[in-house]
Amino acid sequence: MQELEVFRRLERAVRGGRVATTGFLDPQDAARLAAKLHGVGVSTYLYGGYPGAKRRVLTAFPEHIPQASATLMAVYFEGIHDAAELHTALRQSGLATESIGDIVTHQDGLTVIVLEQARDLVMSLSTVAEPLVPQEVGLEHLAKGRVRRQLVIVPSLRVDALGAKAFKVSRSYFSKGIAGGKVSVSGKPASKSTSAAPGDEVYAEGLGRFSIVGVQGETRRGNLKVELEIEQDRS
């Protein structure tokens, strides 16, 4: 389904007082759609099953509801180590790409996060070569990433300055990620001179994401005090 169609479907649902969700979206698609919905006053929540998840489900909800989220589940496959192979098996079983979230690697196997409505299909999954034995596990076992709020002091709202502070890396290191096309702001590719604004979400591949909660004023030297909500990559 095209992004504009998804946007219209979600907006219509919320205007009608209903909660609506998408399937799993890639980082840039999820952030871009959330920004569009925020632009017309629609509240959203993005959830991928654990802090730092790359693929997330967007839930849009009316203002009289404090928050709503899609129901996800995690399924563990012991003895399987090739994420691409597992993804192919899931697709060949009839599972849509939109139903499949992150595939998390463990020492002894893989865990895939899926939409709850895909449960029966995933739990009956098998391959021709050998049966896969799915085990439902709690999402809390995947919570190796973390979310924190932090006040940072930066000279400006340029993404390279914010990213360096958010992930405790050098500004030059973060700038290399921008140059390599690995950083986006609300779903749009960032450039060296890109600035962010309150409400924007910045995604940095391999590091995680952060959103700008607000600017809390200036220091005596004219630097900005910026509050960030940082979702660290689990790796």
Protein backbone atom coordinates (compact mmCIF):
# COMPACT_ATOMS: atom_id res chain seq x y z
CA MET A 1 0.00 0.00 0.00
CA GLN A 2 1.34 3.42 -0.93
CA GLU A 3 2.36 5.81 1.84
CA LEU A 4 -0.31 8.37 0.94
CA GLU A 5 -3.01 5.71 1.12
CA VAL A 6 -1.76 4.57 4.52
CA PHE A 7 -1.68 8.17 5.74
CA ARG A 8 -5.26 8.79 4.61
CA ARG A 9 -6.50 5.52 6.13
CA LEU A 10 -4.95 6.33 9.50
CA GLU A 11 -6.17 9.91 9.50
CA ARG A 12 -9.74 8.87 8.61
CA ALA A 13 -9.76 6.31 11.39
CA VAL A 14 -8.57 8.79 14.01
CA ARG A 15 -11.01 11.48 12.87
CA GLY A 16 -13.71 8.86 13.29
CA GLY A 17 -12.60 8.18 16.85
CA ARG A 18 -10.85 4.88 16.14
CA VAL A 19 -7.37 3.47 16.69
CA ALA A 20 -5.53 2.27 13.57
CA THR A 21 -2.17 0.62 12.96
CA THR A 22 0.24 -0.13 10.15
CA GLY A 23 2.32 -3.24 9.65
CA PHE A 24 6.06 -3.14 10.38
CA LEU A 25 7.79 -0.22 8.67
CA ASP A 26 11.45 0.49 7.97
CA PRO A 27 12.98 3.31 10.09
CA GLN A 28 12.74 6.11 7.54
CA ASP A 29 9.22 5.16 6.43
CA ALA A 30 7.95 5.02 10.01
CA ALA A 31 9.47 8.38 10.98
CA ARG A 32 8.26 10.08 7.80
CA LEU A 33 4.69 8.81 8.25
CA ALA A 34 4.66 9.83 11.92
CA ALA A 35 5.84 13.33 11.01
CA LYS A 36 3.05 13.68 8.42
CA LEU A 37 0.42 12.61 10.91
CA HIS A 38 1.77 14.94 13.59
CA GLY A 39 1.52 17.72 11.01
CA VAL A 40 -2.26 17.30 10.89
CA GLY A 41 -2.64 16.88 14.64
CA VAL A 42 -2.78 13.07 14.84
CA SER A 43 -1.06 11.38 17.78
CA THR A 44 1.09 8.32 17.06
CA TYR A 45 3.13 5.68 18.85
CA LEU A 46 5.93 3.67 17.27
CA TYR A 47 6.81 0.27 18.71
CA GLY A 48 9.06 -2.52 17.51
CA GLY A 49 9.02 -4.88 20.48
CA TYR A 50 12.14 -3.65 22.29
CA PRO A 51 14.20 -0.45 22.67
CA GLY A 52 16.34 0.12 19.60
CA ALA A 53 14.21 -1.98 17.23
CA LYS A 54 14.74 -1.00 13.61
CA ARG A 55 11.37 -2.04 12.15
CA ARG A 56 8.41 -0.63 14.05
CA VAL A 57 4.63 -0.57 13.87
CA LEU A 58 2.92 2.83 13.88
CA THR A 59 -0.30 3.22 15.86
CA ALA A 60 -2.45 6.31 15.37
CA PHE A 61 -5.03 7.16 18.00
CA PRO A 62 -7.61 9.89 18.88
CA GLU A 63 -6.75 12.57 21.43
CA HIS A 64 -9.14 11.15 24.07
CA ILE A 65 -6.95 8.03 24.30
CA PRO A 66 -3.70 8.56 26.29
CA GLN A 67 -1.74 6.06 24.20
CA ALA A 68 -2.27 2.92 22.14
CA SER A 69 0.09 0.32 20.75
CA ALA A 70 0.02 -2.68 18.44
CA THR A 71 0.31 -6.09 20.10
CA LEU A 72 3.48 -7.88 19.09
CA MET A 73 4.96 -11.26 19.95
CA ALA A 74 8.41 -12.84 19.81
CA VAL A 75 9.13 -16.33 18.51
CA TYR A 76 12.46 -18.08 19.09
CA PHE A 77 13.95 -20.69 16.72
CA GLU A 78 16.76 -22.70 18.28
CA GLY A 79 19.57 -23.90 16.03
CA ILE A 80 18.81 -21.44 13.22
CA HIS A 81 21.55 -18.85 12.64
CA ASP A 82 20.90 -17.41 9.19
CA ALA A 83 18.47 -14.46 9.49
CA ALA A 84 17.98 -14.27 5.73
CA GLU A 85 17.09 -17.96 5.61
CA LEU A 86 14.53 -17.55 8.38
CA HIS A 87 13.04 -14.49 6.70
CA THR A 88 12.69 -16.45 3.45
CA ALA A 89 11.00 -19.32 5.28
CA LEU A 90 8.56 -16.90 6.89
CA ARG A 91 7.72 -15.34 3.54
CA GLN A 92 7.35 -18.73 1.82
CA SER A 93 4.92 -19.79 4.52
CA GLY A 94 2.64 -16.94 3.45
CA LEU A 95 3.60 -14.34 6.01
CA ALA A 96 3.57 -10.80 4.58
CA THR A 97 6.68 -8.63 4.94
CA GLU A 98 4.55 -6.13 6.88
CA SER A 99 3.95 -8.79 9.55
CA ILE A 100 7.67 -9.37 10.16
CA GLY A 101 9.71 -7.15 12.45
CA ASP A 102 13.32 -7.46 13.51
CA ILE A 103 15.10 -10.80 13.58
CA VAL A 104 17.35 -10.85 16.64
CA THR A 105 20.48 -13.00 16.77
CA HIS A 106 21.37 -15.10 19.83
CA GLN A 107 24.19 -17.54 20.47
CA ASP A 108 21.95 -20.58 19.92
CA GLY A 109 19.32 -19.31 17.50
CA LEU A 110 17.17 -16.45 16.25
CA THR A 111 14.11 -14.62 17.53
CA VAL A 112 11.67 -12.96 15.15
CA ILE A 113 9.17 -10.30 16.21
CA VAL A 114 5.81 -10.50 14.45
CA LEU A 115 2.31 -9.07 14.67
CA GLU A 116 0.12 -11.01 17.07
CA GLN A 117 -2.36 -11.86 14.32
CA ALA A 118 0.40 -13.80 12.57
CA ARG A 119 0.86 -16.08 15.60
CA ASP A 120 -0.82 -19.22 14.27
CA LEU A 121 1.06 -19.09 10.99
CA VAL A 122 4.44 -18.58 12.64
CA MET A 123 3.90 -21.26 15.28
CA SER A 124 3.14 -23.82 12.55
CA LEU A 125 6.15 -22.87 10.45
CA SER A 126 8.23 -25.67 8.93
CA THR A 127 10.60 -26.14 6.03
CA VAL A 128 10.94 -29.00 3.59
CA ALA A 129 14.46 -29.85 4.77
CA GLU A 130 13.77 -29.98 8.48
CA PRO A 131 11.04 -28.76 10.80
CA LEU A 132 11.59 -25.50 12.59
CA VAL A 133 10.50 -25.60 16.21
CA PRO A 134 9.08 -22.22 17.19
CA GLN A 135 8.94 -21.21 20.84
CA GLU A 136 6.97 -18.18 21.95
CA VAL A 137 9.03 -16.00 24.31
CA GLY A 138 8.39 -12.79 26.21
CA LEU A 139 9.40 -9.54 24.57
CA GLU A 140 11.10 -8.54 27.81
CA HIS A 141 13.88 -11.01 27.01
CA LEU A 142 14.85 -8.84 24.03
CA ALA A 143 15.06 -5.57 25.95
CA LYS A 144 18.81 -5.13 25.61
CA GLY A 145 18.48 -1.64 24.22
CA ARG A 146 17.57 1.26 26.45
CA VAL A 147 15.65 4.52 26.40
CA ARG A 148 16.79 7.54 28.35
CA ARG A 149 16.18 11.27 28.57
CA GLN A 150 19.17 13.55 28.58
CA LEU A 151 19.83 17.28 28.56
CA VAL A 152 22.68 18.11 26.19
CA ILE A 153 24.50 21.36 25.55
CA VAL A 154 25.08 22.07 21.85
CA PRO A 155 26.03 25.15 19.81
CA SER A 156 23.07 24.64 17.46
CA LEU A 157 20.36 22.19 16.44
CA ARG A 158 22.50 20.79 13.64
CA VAL A 159 22.11 17.03 13.47
CA ASP A 160 25.83 16.33 13.62
CA ALA A 161 26.14 18.23 16.91
CA LEU A 162 23.06 16.57 18.42
CA GLY A 163 24.01 13.09 17.24
CA ALA A 164 27.50 13.30 18.69
CA LYS A 165 26.07 14.21 22.11
CA ALA A 166 23.21 11.69 21.98
CA PHE A 167 25.41 8.68 21.21
CA LYS A 168 28.63 9.85 22.89
CA VAL A 169 30.68 9.74 19.70
CA SER A 170 32.83 12.39 18.05
CA ARG A 171 31.20 14.91 15.77
CA SER A 172 33.46 13.81 12.91
CA TYR A 173 32.42 10.17 13.40
CA PHE A 174 28.72 11.08 13.28
CA SER A 175 29.34 13.29 10.25
CA LYS A 176 30.78 10.29 8.41
CA GLY A 177 27.50 8.48 9.01
CA ILE A 178 25.62 11.44 7.57
CA ALA A 179 27.89 11.47 4.50
CA GLY A 180 27.31 7.73 4.09
CA GLY A 181 23.53 8.15 3.99
CA LYS A 182 23.00 6.42 7.34
CA VAL A 183 21.25 9.31 9.13
CA SER A 184 17.74 10.61 8.57
CA VAL A 185 15.57 13.28 10.19
CA SER A 186 11.87 12.42 10.39
CA GLY A 187 12.39 9.98 7.55
CA LYS A 188 14.33 12.29 5.23
CA PRO A 189 18.06 11.83 4.52
CA ALA A 190 20.23 14.23 6.50
CA SER A 191 23.04 16.32 5.06
CA LYS A 192 26.00 17.91 6.82
CA SER A 193 24.11 21.16 7.38
CA THR A 194 20.71 19.63 8.32
CA SER A 195 19.13 20.98 11.50
CA ALA A 196 16.40 19.33 13.53
CA ALA A 197 13.51 20.84 15.47
CA PRO A 198 11.44 19.85 18.52
CA GLY A 199 9.36 16.80 17.60
CA ASP A 200 11.79 15.53 14.99
CA GLU A 201 13.15 12.01 15.19
CA VAL A 202 16.72 11.37 14.12
CA TYR A 203 17.66 7.82 13.11
CA ALA A 204 21.29 6.74 12.84
CA GLU A 205 21.87 3.27 11.46
CA GLY A 206 23.92 1.17 13.86
CA LEU A 207 23.54 3.61 16.75
CA GLY A 208 19.82 4.09 17.37
CA ARG A 209 17.48 7.06 17.29
CA PHE A 210 16.60 10.12 19.30
CA SER A 211 13.82 12.67 19.32
CA ILE A 212 14.04 16.30 20.35
CA VAL A 213 11.75 16.84 23.32
CA GLY A 214 12.40 20.57 23.48
CA VAL A 215 14.87 23.42 23.84
CA GLN A 216 15.18 24.41 27.50
CA GLY A 217 16.97 27.72 27.01
CA GLU A 218 20.55 28.93 26.54
CA THR A 219 23.74 28.89 28.55
CA ARG A 220 25.62 32.08 29.38
CA ARG A 221 27.83 31.44 26.37
CA GLY A 222 24.87 31.19 24.02
CA ASN A 223 24.80 27.40 23.61
CA LEU A 224 21.47 25.61 23.58
CA LYS A 225 20.13 23.34 26.31
CA VAL A 226 18.28 20.60 24.43
CA GLU A 227 16.32 17.73 25.99
CA LEU A 228 16.55 14.48 24.01
CA GLU A 229 14.83 11.14 24.32
CA ILE A 230 17.41 8.60 23.18
CA GLU A 231 16.67 5.04 22.12
CA GLN A 232 19.96 3.19 21.97
CA ASP A 233 20.59 0.42 19.48
CA ARG A 234 20.64 -2.99 21.25
CA SER A 235 23.97 -3.91 19.65
